[in-house]
Amino acid sequence: MKDNRKELILITGGARSGKSSWAVRYIENKFKSYMLIATAIAEDKEMEERIQRHKMERGHRWKVVEEPFEITKYIEENSHGFDVILVDCISIWLSNILLKRPQIVERYIDDLICALSSKNINLILVSNEVGMGVVPAYRLGREYRDLLGGLNQRIARIADRVILMISGLPLMLKGKKVDAL
């Protein structure tokens, strides 16, 4: 970024729509120092392999941190020395909280929105758009869909840019067009 203005970008879309790949290309072309906060928890062999593959794909220039719950606190305490932080992804983070700490999920959401509103660092958040499919058959699925849809809306309201990824192509929903190159 050429100026000192801090920016919040939300990248949303369906599964495998190119959200993370686009974010990585954009960051590597626009910034000098960057951190990835990965929110996934490796609870099975396939997820362990997926996490390792993502770490390898990021390369040595990325500081990669695994933080499945306390991303707000981590951003506040560890953002110094980085031009931008990528949080990948908000969808998994919310799922982690809903499954492991359901009684305080609203507090986590409110704390995140409060922290994002301060924009002390450039932040790019990846999140899934889950409201375009079939209504989940189970209560927990409907609760998750509703919470994530509401969270995405709250982030979009305070974001400088909102990008919807479809088949690897970015559609600018809010803010000026940017290219990942």
N, C-alpha and C. Protein backbone atom coordinates (compact mmCIF):
# COMPACT_ATOMS: atom_id res chain seq x y z
N MET A 1 0.85 -1.16 0.00
CA MET A 1 0.00 0.00 0.00
C MET A 1 0.90 1.23 0.00
N LYS A 2 0.53 2.22 -0.76
CA LYS A 2 1.36 3.40 -0.87
C LYS A 2 1.10 4.39 0.25
N ASP A 3 -0.13 4.46 0.75
CA ASP A 3 -0.39 5.39 1.84
C ASP A 3 -0.45 4.63 3.16
N ASN A 4 -0.60 5.38 4.26
CA ASN A 4 -0.60 4.75 5.58
C ASN A 4 -2.00 4.37 6.04
N ARG A 5 -3.01 4.60 5.22
CA ARG A 5 -4.38 4.28 5.59
C ARG A 5 -4.53 2.77 5.70
N LYS A 6 -5.08 2.33 6.79
CA LYS A 6 -5.30 0.90 7.01
C LYS A 6 -6.62 0.49 6.38
N GLU A 7 -6.65 -0.73 5.90
CA GLU A 7 -7.80 -1.17 5.14
C GLU A 7 -8.29 -2.54 5.63
N LEU A 8 -9.59 -2.72 5.59
CA LEU A 8 -10.22 -3.99 5.92
C LEU A 8 -10.91 -4.50 4.66
N ILE A 9 -10.52 -5.71 4.24
CA ILE A 9 -11.11 -6.34 3.05
C ILE A 9 -11.74 -7.66 3.47
N LEU A 10 -12.98 -7.86 3.05
CA LEU A 10 -13.68 -9.13 3.24
C LEU A 10 -13.76 -9.82 1.89
N ILE A 11 -13.29 -11.07 1.84
CA ILE A 11 -13.40 -11.88 0.63
C ILE A 11 -14.31 -13.05 0.97
N THR A 12 -15.41 -13.14 0.26
CA THR A 12 -16.39 -14.19 0.53
C THR A 12 -16.71 -14.94 -0.75
N GLY A 13 -17.37 -16.05 -0.61
CA GLY A 13 -17.74 -16.87 -1.75
C GLY A 13 -17.96 -18.29 -1.30
N GLY A 14 -18.26 -19.14 -2.24
CA GLY A 14 -18.50 -20.54 -1.94
C GLY A 14 -17.21 -21.31 -1.70
N ALA A 15 -17.36 -22.56 -1.30
CA ALA A 15 -16.20 -23.43 -1.10
C ALA A 15 -15.47 -23.61 -2.43
N ARG A 16 -14.15 -23.54 -2.39
CA ARG A 16 -13.29 -23.73 -3.56
C ARG A 16 -13.54 -22.69 -4.65
N SER A 17 -13.98 -21.51 -4.26
CA SER A 17 -14.25 -20.45 -5.24
C SER A 17 -13.01 -19.63 -5.57
N GLY A 18 -11.90 -19.85 -4.85
CA GLY A 18 -10.66 -19.12 -5.12
C GLY A 18 -10.39 -18.00 -4.13
N LYS A 19 -11.11 -17.96 -3.04
CA LYS A 19 -10.97 -16.89 -2.05
C LYS A 19 -9.54 -16.79 -1.52
N SER A 20 -9.04 -17.88 -0.99
CA SER A 20 -7.72 -17.88 -0.36
C SER A 20 -6.61 -17.63 -1.38
N SER A 21 -6.70 -18.26 -2.53
CA SER A 21 -5.68 -18.07 -3.56
C SER A 21 -5.61 -16.63 -4.01
N TRP A 22 -6.77 -16.01 -4.21
CA TRP A 22 -6.81 -14.61 -4.63
C TRP A 22 -6.20 -13.74 -3.54
N ALA A 23 -6.57 -13.99 -2.28
CA ALA A 23 -6.04 -13.19 -1.17
C ALA A 23 -4.52 -13.28 -1.09
N VAL A 24 -3.98 -14.48 -1.23
CA VAL A 24 -2.53 -14.67 -1.16
C VAL A 24 -1.83 -13.92 -2.29
N ARG A 25 -2.35 -14.03 -3.51
CA ARG A 25 -1.74 -13.31 -4.65
C ARG A 25 -1.79 -11.81 -4.43
N TYR A 26 -2.92 -11.31 -3.98
CA TYR A 26 -3.08 -9.88 -3.73
C TYR A 26 -2.07 -9.40 -2.68
N ILE A 27 -1.98 -10.12 -1.58
CA ILE A 27 -1.07 -9.74 -0.50
C ILE A 27 0.38 -9.78 -0.97
N GLU A 28 0.78 -10.85 -1.62
CA GLU A 28 2.17 -10.98 -2.04
C GLU A 28 2.57 -9.92 -3.08
N ASN A 29 1.62 -9.40 -3.83
CA ASN A 29 1.91 -8.36 -4.82
C ASN A 29 1.81 -6.95 -4.27
N LYS A 30 1.17 -6.75 -3.13
CA LYS A 30 0.93 -5.40 -2.61
C LYS A 30 1.69 -5.07 -1.33
N PHE A 31 2.13 -6.09 -0.60
CA PHE A 31 2.71 -5.85 0.72
C PHE A 31 4.08 -6.50 0.83
N LYS A 32 4.86 -6.04 1.80
CA LYS A 32 6.20 -6.59 2.01
C LYS A 32 6.25 -7.64 3.13
N SER A 33 5.47 -7.43 4.19
CA SER A 33 5.50 -8.38 5.32
C SER A 33 4.07 -8.77 5.68
N TYR A 34 3.88 -10.08 5.87
CA TYR A 34 2.52 -10.54 6.07
C TYR A 34 2.45 -11.77 6.98
N MET A 35 1.31 -11.84 7.64
CA MET A 35 1.04 -12.94 8.56
C MET A 35 -0.29 -13.58 8.17
N LEU A 36 -0.33 -14.90 8.27
CA LEU A 36 -1.56 -15.65 8.09
C LEU A 36 -1.98 -16.20 9.45
N ILE A 37 -3.20 -15.91 9.84
CA ILE A 37 -3.78 -16.55 11.01
C ILE A 37 -4.72 -17.62 10.47
N ALA A 38 -4.30 -18.87 10.64
CA ALA A 38 -5.08 -20.02 10.17
C ALA A 38 -5.96 -20.50 11.32
N THR A 39 -7.23 -20.70 11.04
CA THR A 39 -8.17 -21.01 12.11
C THR A 39 -8.57 -22.48 12.21
N ALA A 40 -8.11 -23.30 11.28
CA ALA A 40 -8.51 -24.70 11.27
C ALA A 40 -7.88 -25.49 12.41
N ILE A 41 -8.60 -26.49 12.86
CA ILE A 41 -8.11 -27.42 13.87
C ILE A 41 -7.94 -28.78 13.19
N ALA A 42 -6.76 -29.35 13.36
CA ALA A 42 -6.48 -30.66 12.73
C ALA A 42 -7.02 -31.77 13.63
N GLU A 43 -8.24 -32.19 13.36
CA GLU A 43 -8.87 -33.24 14.17
C GLU A 43 -8.87 -34.59 13.47
N ASP A 44 -8.34 -34.64 12.26
CA ASP A 44 -8.22 -35.91 11.56
C ASP A 44 -7.03 -35.82 10.59
N LYS A 45 -6.65 -36.95 10.03
CA LYS A 45 -5.47 -37.03 9.16
C LYS A 45 -5.61 -36.14 7.92
N GLU A 46 -6.79 -36.16 7.30
CA GLU A 46 -6.99 -35.35 6.09
C GLU A 46 -6.80 -33.87 6.39
N MET A 47 -7.33 -33.40 7.53
CA MET A 47 -7.18 -31.98 7.88
C MET A 47 -5.74 -31.66 8.22
N GLU A 48 -5.04 -32.57 8.88
CA GLU A 48 -3.61 -32.36 9.15
C GLU A 48 -2.85 -32.16 7.85
N GLU A 49 -3.12 -33.01 6.87
CA GLU A 49 -2.44 -32.92 5.57
C GLU A 49 -2.81 -31.61 4.85
N ARG A 50 -4.06 -31.22 4.94
CA ARG A 50 -4.51 -29.98 4.31
C ARG A 50 -3.80 -28.77 4.93
N ILE A 51 -3.68 -28.75 6.24
CA ILE A 51 -3.01 -27.65 6.93
C ILE A 51 -1.53 -27.60 6.53
N GLN A 52 -0.88 -28.75 6.51
CA GLN A 52 0.53 -28.79 6.11
C GLN A 52 0.72 -28.32 4.67
N ARG A 53 -0.18 -28.71 3.78
CA ARG A 53 -0.10 -28.29 2.38
C ARG A 53 -0.25 -26.77 2.27
N HIS A 54 -1.19 -26.20 3.03
CA HIS A 54 -1.38 -24.75 3.02
C HIS A 54 -0.14 -24.02 3.54
N LYS A 55 0.49 -24.55 4.58
CA LYS A 55 1.72 -23.94 5.09
C LYS A 55 2.82 -23.95 4.05
N MET A 56 2.99 -25.07 3.38
CA MET A 56 4.03 -25.19 2.35
C MET A 56 3.76 -24.25 1.18
N GLU A 57 2.50 -24.12 0.80
CA GLU A 57 2.14 -23.25 -0.31
C GLU A 57 2.40 -21.79 0.01
N ARG A 58 2.31 -21.41 1.26
CA ARG A 58 2.54 -20.01 1.64
C ARG A 58 4.02 -19.65 1.54
N GLY A 59 4.89 -20.59 1.79
CA GLY A 59 6.32 -20.31 1.67
C GLY A 59 6.91 -19.66 2.90
N HIS A 60 8.22 -19.42 2.85
CA HIS A 60 8.95 -18.92 4.02
C HIS A 60 8.71 -17.44 4.29
N ARG A 61 8.18 -16.70 3.32
CA ARG A 61 7.95 -15.27 3.54
C ARG A 61 6.76 -15.00 4.46
N TRP A 62 5.91 -15.97 4.60
CA TRP A 62 4.73 -15.83 5.45
C TRP A 62 5.04 -16.26 6.88
N LYS A 63 4.56 -15.47 7.83
CA LYS A 63 4.51 -15.96 9.21
C LYS A 63 3.14 -16.61 9.33
N VAL A 64 3.11 -17.90 9.63
CA VAL A 64 1.86 -18.63 9.74
C VAL A 64 1.62 -18.99 11.20
N VAL A 65 0.45 -18.60 11.69
CA VAL A 65 0.06 -18.85 13.07
C VAL A 65 -1.24 -19.63 13.05
N GLU A 66 -1.31 -20.68 13.82
CA GLU A 66 -2.56 -21.43 13.96
C GLU A 66 -3.25 -20.95 15.23
N GLU A 67 -4.42 -20.35 15.05
CA GLU A 67 -5.19 -19.83 16.19
C GLU A 67 -6.67 -20.07 15.93
N PRO A 68 -7.22 -21.14 16.49
CA PRO A 68 -8.60 -21.50 16.19
C PRO A 68 -9.67 -20.71 16.96
N PHE A 69 -9.30 -19.99 18.00
CA PHE A 69 -10.30 -19.29 18.82
C PHE A 69 -10.00 -17.81 19.02
N GLU A 70 -8.83 -17.48 19.50
CA GLU A 70 -8.53 -16.12 19.97
C GLU A 70 -7.90 -15.23 18.89
N ILE A 71 -8.54 -15.16 17.72
CA ILE A 71 -7.95 -14.35 16.65
C ILE A 71 -7.97 -12.87 16.98
N THR A 72 -8.99 -12.41 17.66
CA THR A 72 -9.06 -10.99 18.03
C THR A 72 -7.89 -10.62 18.93
N LYS A 73 -7.69 -11.40 19.95
CA LYS A 73 -6.57 -11.16 20.88
C LYS A 73 -5.23 -11.27 20.15
N TYR A 74 -5.11 -12.25 19.29
CA TYR A 74 -3.85 -12.45 18.58
C TYR A 74 -3.54 -11.26 17.67
N ILE A 75 -4.53 -10.77 16.96
CA ILE A 75 -4.33 -9.61 16.09
C ILE A 75 -3.90 -8.41 16.93
N GLU A 76 -4.59 -8.17 18.02
CA GLU A 76 -4.28 -7.01 18.87
C GLU A 76 -2.87 -7.09 19.45
N GLU A 77 -2.41 -8.27 19.81
CA GLU A 77 -1.14 -8.41 20.50
C GLU A 77 0.05 -8.68 19.59
N ASN A 78 -0.17 -9.11 18.35
CA ASN A 78 0.93 -9.57 17.51
C ASN A 78 0.99 -8.97 16.12
N SER A 79 0.31 -7.87 15.88
CA SER A 79 0.27 -7.31 14.54
C SER A 79 1.46 -6.42 14.22
N HIS A 80 2.24 -6.03 15.21
CA HIS A 80 3.38 -5.14 14.99
C HIS A 80 4.41 -5.81 14.08
N GLY A 81 4.93 -5.05 13.15
CA GLY A 81 5.95 -5.56 12.26
C GLY A 81 5.41 -6.18 10.99
N PHE A 82 4.11 -6.16 10.80
CA PHE A 82 3.50 -6.71 9.59
C PHE A 82 2.71 -5.63 8.88
N ASP A 83 2.74 -5.68 7.55
CA ASP A 83 1.96 -4.74 6.75
C ASP A 83 0.50 -5.16 6.67
N VAL A 84 0.26 -6.48 6.75
CA VAL A 84 -1.09 -7.00 6.57
C VAL A 84 -1.21 -8.34 7.28
N ILE A 85 -2.42 -8.62 7.75
CA ILE A 85 -2.75 -9.93 8.32
C ILE A 85 -3.90 -10.51 7.52
N LEU A 86 -3.74 -11.77 7.14
CA LEU A 86 -4.79 -12.53 6.48
C LEU A 86 -5.36 -13.50 7.51
N VAL A 87 -6.67 -13.46 7.71
CA VAL A 87 -7.35 -14.43 8.56
C VAL A 87 -8.11 -15.39 7.64
N ASP A 88 -7.72 -16.66 7.69
CA ASP A 88 -8.29 -17.66 6.80
C ASP A 88 -8.65 -18.89 7.62
N CYS A 89 -9.87 -19.08 8.01
CA CYS A 89 -11.00 -18.30 7.57
C CYS A 89 -11.97 -18.07 8.73
N ILE A 90 -12.77 -17.04 8.57
CA ILE A 90 -13.77 -16.66 9.56
C ILE A 90 -14.81 -17.77 9.72
N SER A 91 -15.14 -18.45 8.65
CA SER A 91 -16.15 -19.52 8.68
C SER A 91 -15.74 -20.65 9.63
N ILE A 92 -14.48 -21.08 9.51
CA ILE A 92 -13.98 -22.15 10.38
C ILE A 92 -13.85 -21.65 11.80
N TRP A 93 -13.38 -20.42 11.98
CA TRP A 93 -13.26 -19.82 13.32
C TRP A 93 -14.61 -19.84 14.02
N LEU A 94 -15.66 -19.41 13.33
CA LEU A 94 -16.99 -19.39 13.94
C LEU A 94 -17.47 -20.80 14.26
N SER A 95 -17.20 -21.74 13.37
CA SER A 95 -17.55 -23.14 13.62
C SER A 95 -16.84 -23.67 14.86
N ASN A 96 -15.56 -23.36 14.99
CA ASN A 96 -14.80 -23.78 16.18
C ASN A 96 -15.48 -23.30 17.45
N ILE A 97 -15.85 -22.04 17.47
CA ILE A 97 -16.46 -21.46 18.66
C ILE A 97 -17.84 -22.05 18.92
N LEU A 98 -18.63 -22.18 17.87
CA LEU A 98 -19.98 -22.71 18.03
C LEU A 98 -19.96 -24.14 18.56
N LEU A 99 -18.98 -24.93 18.12
CA LEU A 99 -18.91 -26.32 18.56
C LEU A 99 -18.25 -26.49 19.93
N LYS A 100 -17.28 -25.65 20.25
CA LYS A 100 -16.50 -25.84 21.50
C LYS A 100 -16.85 -24.85 22.61
N ARG A 101 -17.38 -23.67 22.24
CA ARG A 101 -17.69 -22.64 23.24
C ARG A 101 -19.03 -21.96 22.91
N PRO A 102 -20.09 -22.75 22.72
CA PRO A 102 -21.35 -22.19 22.22
C PRO A 102 -21.99 -21.15 23.13
N GLN A 103 -21.74 -21.24 24.41
CA GLN A 103 -22.38 -20.32 25.35
C GLN A 103 -21.84 -18.90 25.23
N ILE A 104 -20.68 -18.71 24.58
CA ILE A 104 -20.12 -17.36 24.47
C ILE A 104 -19.85 -16.96 23.03
N VAL A 105 -20.53 -17.58 22.09
CA VAL A 105 -20.29 -17.28 20.67
C VAL A 105 -20.58 -15.81 20.35
N GLU A 106 -21.63 -15.26 20.90
CA GLU A 106 -21.98 -13.84 20.63
C GLU A 106 -20.89 -12.90 21.14
N ARG A 107 -20.30 -13.23 22.28
CA ARG A 107 -19.21 -12.39 22.81
C ARG A 107 -18.02 -12.39 21.87
N TYR A 108 -17.66 -13.56 21.34
CA TYR A 108 -16.56 -13.64 20.38
C TYR A 108 -16.86 -12.79 19.14
N ILE A 109 -18.07 -12.88 18.64
CA ILE A 109 -18.45 -12.12 17.45
C ILE A 109 -18.37 -10.63 17.73
N ASP A 110 -18.93 -10.18 18.84
CA ASP A 110 -18.89 -8.75 19.18
C ASP A 110 -17.47 -8.25 19.38
N ASP A 111 -16.63 -9.05 20.03
CA ASP A 111 -15.22 -8.66 20.22
C ASP A 111 -14.50 -8.53 18.89
N LEU A 112 -14.77 -9.44 17.96
CA LEU A 112 -14.13 -9.37 16.65
C LEU A 112 -14.56 -8.10 15.92
N ILE A 113 -15.83 -7.81 15.89
CA ILE A 113 -16.33 -6.62 15.20
C ILE A 113 -15.73 -5.36 15.81
N CYS A 114 -15.64 -5.31 17.12
CA CYS A 114 -15.03 -4.16 17.79
C CYS A 114 -13.57 -4.00 17.37
N ALA A 115 -12.81 -5.07 17.35
CA ALA A 115 -11.39 -5.02 16.96
C ALA A 115 -11.24 -4.62 15.49
N LEU A 116 -12.08 -5.15 14.63
CA LEU A 116 -12.00 -4.83 13.21
C LEU A 116 -12.32 -3.36 12.95
N SER A 117 -13.18 -2.79 13.76
CA SER A 117 -13.57 -1.40 13.59
C SER A 117 -12.42 -0.43 13.81
N SER A 118 -11.43 -0.83 14.59
CA SER A 118 -10.31 0.06 14.90
C SER A 118 -9.32 0.18 13.74
N LYS A 119 -9.21 -0.84 12.89
CA LYS A 119 -8.34 -0.84 11.71
C LYS A 119 -6.93 -0.34 12.02
N ASN A 120 -6.27 -0.93 12.99
CA ASN A 120 -4.90 -0.56 13.31
C ASN A 120 -3.88 -1.20 12.38
N ILE A 121 -4.33 -2.13 11.55
CA ILE A 121 -3.47 -2.82 10.59
C ILE A 121 -4.33 -3.20 9.40
N ASN A 122 -3.70 -3.37 8.25
CA ASN A 122 -4.41 -3.88 7.09
C ASN A 122 -4.83 -5.32 7.39
N LEU A 123 -6.09 -5.60 7.19
CA LEU A 123 -6.64 -6.93 7.46
C LEU A 123 -7.42 -7.43 6.25
N ILE A 124 -7.20 -8.69 5.92
CA ILE A 124 -7.98 -9.35 4.89
C ILE A 124 -8.59 -10.59 5.52
N LEU A 125 -9.90 -10.67 5.46
CA LEU A 125 -10.63 -11.78 6.06
C LEU A 125 -11.27 -12.61 4.96
N VAL A 126 -11.10 -13.91 5.04
CA VAL A 126 -11.75 -14.85 4.12
C VAL A 126 -12.90 -15.49 4.88
N SER A 127 -14.06 -15.55 4.22
CA SER A 127 -15.23 -16.17 4.84
C SER A 127 -16.09 -16.81 3.77
N ASN A 128 -16.75 -17.90 4.11
CA ASN A 128 -17.64 -18.56 3.16
C ASN A 128 -18.99 -17.88 3.14
N GLU A 129 -19.61 -17.90 1.99
CA GLU A 129 -20.98 -17.44 1.82
C GLU A 129 -21.84 -18.69 1.87
N VAL A 130 -22.53 -18.89 2.97
CA VAL A 130 -23.26 -20.15 3.16
C VAL A 130 -24.77 -20.03 2.97
N GLY A 131 -25.27 -18.86 2.70
CA GLY A 131 -26.71 -18.68 2.62
C GLY A 131 -27.31 -18.86 1.25
N MET A 132 -26.57 -19.43 0.30
CA MET A 132 -27.09 -19.54 -1.07
C MET A 132 -27.55 -20.95 -1.40
N GLY A 133 -27.53 -21.84 -0.43
CA GLY A 133 -27.87 -23.23 -0.69
C GLY A 133 -29.16 -23.64 -0.01
N VAL A 134 -29.27 -24.93 0.17
CA VAL A 134 -30.43 -25.54 0.81
C VAL A 134 -30.44 -25.18 2.29
N VAL A 135 -31.63 -25.00 2.85
CA VAL A 135 -31.75 -24.77 4.28
C VAL A 135 -31.29 -26.03 5.00
N PRO A 136 -30.33 -25.90 5.93
CA PRO A 136 -29.85 -27.09 6.64
C PRO A 136 -30.98 -27.84 7.34
N ALA A 137 -30.89 -29.15 7.35
CA ALA A 137 -31.93 -29.98 7.94
C ALA A 137 -31.87 -30.02 9.47
N TYR A 138 -30.71 -29.64 10.02
CA TYR A 138 -30.52 -29.76 11.47
C TYR A 138 -30.40 -28.39 12.11
N ARG A 139 -30.86 -28.31 13.37
CA ARG A 139 -30.85 -27.05 14.11
C ARG A 139 -29.47 -26.42 14.15
N LEU A 140 -28.43 -27.20 14.45
CA LEU A 140 -27.07 -26.65 14.55
C LEU A 140 -26.62 -26.07 13.21
N GLY A 141 -26.95 -26.72 12.12
CA GLY A 141 -26.62 -26.21 10.79
C GLY A 141 -27.31 -24.89 10.50
N ARG A 142 -28.59 -24.79 10.88
CA ARG A 142 -29.32 -23.54 10.67
C ARG A 142 -28.77 -22.43 11.55
N GLU A 143 -28.42 -22.78 12.79
CA GLU A 143 -27.84 -21.78 13.71
C GLU A 143 -26.51 -21.27 13.16
N TYR A 144 -25.66 -22.18 12.68
CA TYR A 144 -24.38 -21.78 12.11
C TYR A 144 -24.58 -20.88 10.89
N ARG A 145 -25.45 -21.30 9.97
CA ARG A 145 -25.72 -20.50 8.77
C ARG A 145 -26.18 -19.10 9.15
N ASP A 146 -27.09 -19.00 10.12
CA ASP A 146 -27.61 -17.70 10.53
C ASP A 146 -26.52 -16.85 11.19
N LEU A 147 -25.72 -17.46 12.07
CA LEU A 147 -24.64 -16.71 12.73
C LEU A 147 -23.61 -16.22 11.72
N LEU A 148 -23.19 -17.10 10.80
CA LEU A 148 -22.18 -16.70 9.83
C LEU A 148 -22.73 -15.65 8.87
N GLY A 149 -23.96 -15.80 8.44
CA GLY A 149 -24.57 -14.79 7.57
C GLY A 149 -24.61 -13.43 8.25
N GLY A 150 -25.01 -13.42 9.52
CA GLY A 150 -25.03 -12.16 10.27
C GLY A 150 -23.65 -11.58 10.48
N LEU A 151 -22.66 -12.44 10.78
CA LEU A 151 -21.29 -11.99 10.97
C LEU A 151 -20.74 -11.41 9.67
N ASN A 152 -20.93 -12.11 8.56
CA ASN A 152 -20.47 -11.59 7.27
C ASN A 152 -21.09 -10.22 6.98
N GLN A 153 -22.36 -10.05 7.28
CA GLN A 153 -23.01 -8.75 7.06
C GLN A 153 -22.38 -7.66 7.92
N ARG A 154 -22.11 -7.98 9.17
CA ARG A 154 -21.51 -6.98 10.07
C ARG A 154 -20.11 -6.60 9.60
N ILE A 155 -19.33 -7.59 9.17
CA ILE A 155 -17.99 -7.30 8.66
C ILE A 155 -18.10 -6.47 7.38
N ALA A 156 -19.01 -6.83 6.49
CA ALA A 156 -19.17 -6.11 5.22
C ALA A 156 -19.52 -4.65 5.45
N ARG A 157 -20.31 -4.36 6.47
CA ARG A 157 -20.69 -2.98 6.76
C ARG A 157 -19.49 -2.11 7.11
N ILE A 158 -18.51 -2.67 7.82
CA ILE A 158 -17.36 -1.86 8.24
C ILE A 158 -16.16 -2.02 7.31
N ALA A 159 -16.24 -2.96 6.39
CA ALA A 159 -15.12 -3.21 5.47
C ALA A 159 -15.00 -2.09 4.45
N ASP A 160 -13.76 -1.83 4.02
CA ASP A 160 -13.52 -0.88 2.95
C ASP A 160 -13.83 -1.49 1.60
N ARG A 161 -13.55 -2.79 1.48
CA ARG A 161 -13.81 -3.52 0.23
C ARG A 161 -14.44 -4.86 0.59
N VAL A 162 -15.37 -5.28 -0.25
CA VAL A 162 -15.96 -6.61 -0.13
C VAL A 162 -15.90 -7.23 -1.52
N ILE A 163 -15.31 -8.42 -1.57
CA ILE A 163 -15.11 -9.12 -2.84
C ILE A 163 -15.82 -10.46 -2.77
N LEU A 164 -16.64 -10.75 -3.75
CA LEU A 164 -17.29 -12.04 -3.88
C LEU A 164 -16.54 -12.83 -4.94
N MET A 165 -16.03 -13.99 -4.56
CA MET A 165 -15.31 -14.84 -5.51
C MET A 165 -16.27 -15.86 -6.10
N ILE A 166 -16.25 -15.95 -7.43
CA ILE A 166 -17.06 -16.93 -8.15
C ILE A 166 -16.17 -17.57 -9.20
N SER A 167 -15.97 -18.88 -9.09
CA SER A 167 -15.15 -19.63 -10.06
C SER A 167 -13.78 -19.00 -10.28
N GLY A 168 -13.18 -18.52 -9.20
CA GLY A 168 -11.84 -17.94 -9.28
C GLY A 168 -11.81 -16.50 -9.73
N LEU A 169 -12.96 -15.90 -9.97
CA LEU A 169 -13.02 -14.52 -10.45
C LEU A 169 -13.59 -13.61 -9.36
N PRO A 170 -12.94 -12.45 -9.14
CA PRO A 170 -13.43 -11.54 -8.11
C PRO A 170 -14.52 -10.60 -8.64
N LEU A 171 -15.58 -10.47 -7.90
CA LEU A 171 -16.64 -9.53 -8.19
C LEU A 171 -16.65 -8.51 -7.06
N MET A 172 -16.36 -7.26 -7.38
CA MET A 172 -16.30 -6.21 -6.35
C MET A 172 -17.71 -5.83 -5.94
N LEU A 173 -18.01 -6.02 -4.66
CA LEU A 173 -19.32 -5.65 -4.14
C LEU A 173 -19.28 -4.30 -3.46
N LYS A 174 -18.10 -3.94 -2.93
CA LYS A 174 -17.97 -2.67 -2.20
C LYS A 174 -16.53 -2.19 -2.35
N GLY A 175 -16.35 -0.90 -2.58
CA GLY A 175 -15.02 -0.33 -2.69
C GLY A 175 -14.51 -0.37 -4.11
N LYS A 176 -13.33 0.23 -4.30
CA LYS A 176 -12.77 0.29 -5.64
C LYS A 176 -12.16 -1.05 -6.05
N LYS A 177 -12.19 -1.29 -7.34
CA LYS A 177 -11.69 -2.56 -7.89
C LYS A 177 -10.19 -2.70 -7.62
N VAL A 178 -9.79 -3.91 -7.27
CA VAL A 178 -8.38 -4.23 -7.09
C VAL A 178 -8.10 -5.54 -7.82
N ASP A 179 -6.87 -5.68 -8.27
CA ASP A 179 -6.47 -6.91 -8.94
C ASP A 179 -5.44 -7.64 -8.10
N ALA A 180 -5.51 -8.95 -8.10
CA ALA A 180 -4.51 -9.74 -7.38
C ALA A 180 -3.24 -9.89 -8.21
N LEU A 181 -3.36 -9.70 -9.52
CA LEU A 181 -2.26 -9.85 -10.49
C LEU A 181 -1.80 -11.25 -10.66
